[in-house]
């Protein structure tokens, strides 16, 4: 049964979505209208891949959270479906927060999410109570379960907080259901809890998978736990992160913990910790396992610190990253664009062994919808270059540049002149695995976004750009001799 609140959201979509088509990216998911943040329910269902997201259709700022809904067969073309959830029950009256989905044995789709209810105390303080809820449906319409909430404060371990208890990631394994959920524990920092169920309705607490102990931020949101290339990987999104060198930047961050899950106590034994994405706009990643065995990840290509800065004339706010294939190499997370993107490559322009020492541009190397690989190596064996820069989304006033210094092995991305109407954080620098001045960059651009993949996916960095779409020039510069290879494809997605 569709509630009045959900019907209102769907009617609003039907009325206004046709007006926003010309504003939207070509192949990055948006809500179409209004606000989106975290990806939710990213999972296969009946031969397709569904993606839900935190959604407020009525404004381009955060509001009472609904779930928007799209689906795809190839991660590039997305079909928009009606809004799936609205905050229309007592236990979720202040928001249907983030969660996940799974296909049930009977062919239905189950959504698991955090229901939020706030209470104002006599002293004026407002407290948020967060519980885990489920809804079941056919891929379009969903009915909230009569037993909601299915996980509440009664199952929290000692010291767990009902005020910070959210973002369940559910999966099915060996005829049982499991879910990892973010929580704040007695020391005030984040912890990831594991729950187990036979029917996805009655749940029991199992263990603490991993805890923060105030080392990597505080509250850990949006956990995702999965096996990858013989290891176990836990993705989390910390709040209140402090900078740690150039690996972790301050604010709302992203962390990948790699190790082995001790099955006796269901605890992750860490072997390494790294950032997932080194850009300014990446949060709340979620993964799925494809039918052909690939682990694919998508995330909110935005950041809470910059979410107030937007182009006023646009009727949507927020977009997702391009889905990425994950793997491990020498103990580090590797990520590259899904291979399906290559099917949408159009005209190819390429150059080989172009010697530059200064600034240059190349004929037909331009545009804002592109898949471009740039390889740089020293042009002088006896005197390595000091720096190399790549400028994109450029006109007489705007540009974004990517600079590589081989001596320090660092990349700096600066979007200061990228069309933002407010003074926000616009510069990010991060270390890479430098190889004698040799660098390979893959650049994906789609209207309002720039995604960078370094050295075949050893690092990724995501950035929102608000440069006018007409600003499509690209140029290269260096201090010292550089040999340059460029392979650029136009991306053709109608």
Foldseek 3Di string as FASTA:
>chain_A
DQDPQLVVQQVLCVVPLVPFPVVDWQFWDFLSFADWFWKAAQEDAPQKTKIWTFGDRPHNDDAATFIFIWIGNQLGDIHGARTEGGQDDQQQVRHFAHEHWDQDPVRKIKTKTKGWDWDQDPVRDIAIFIAIWMWIGNRHYTHTDPLPPLGGPVQDDPQWDRRQWTYWYWDDDPQKIKIWIWIAGNVQFIWIWMWIGNHVRHIHTQATADTDSCPAAGTWHQWDWDDAPHKIKIKTWHAQGPDDPQFFHGGTFIKIFIAHQDVVRRYGDGDDMTGAAQAAFWGNKDWYADPVGWIKIKTKRHHPQCSVWDDVVRRTGTTMDRIWTWHDDPHAIFIDHRPSQVVQFDDKDKDFFDKAAFKDFDPPPKAQAKKKKKKKAAPDPVDRFQKKKKWWLADPQAIWIWMAGLVQQKIKIARPRQDTPDDGDGIGMHHDDHDNRIWMWIWGGIQFWIWIAIPNGSHIYIDGGPRHNVSMGMMMHTNHIMTMIMMMTGGDRD
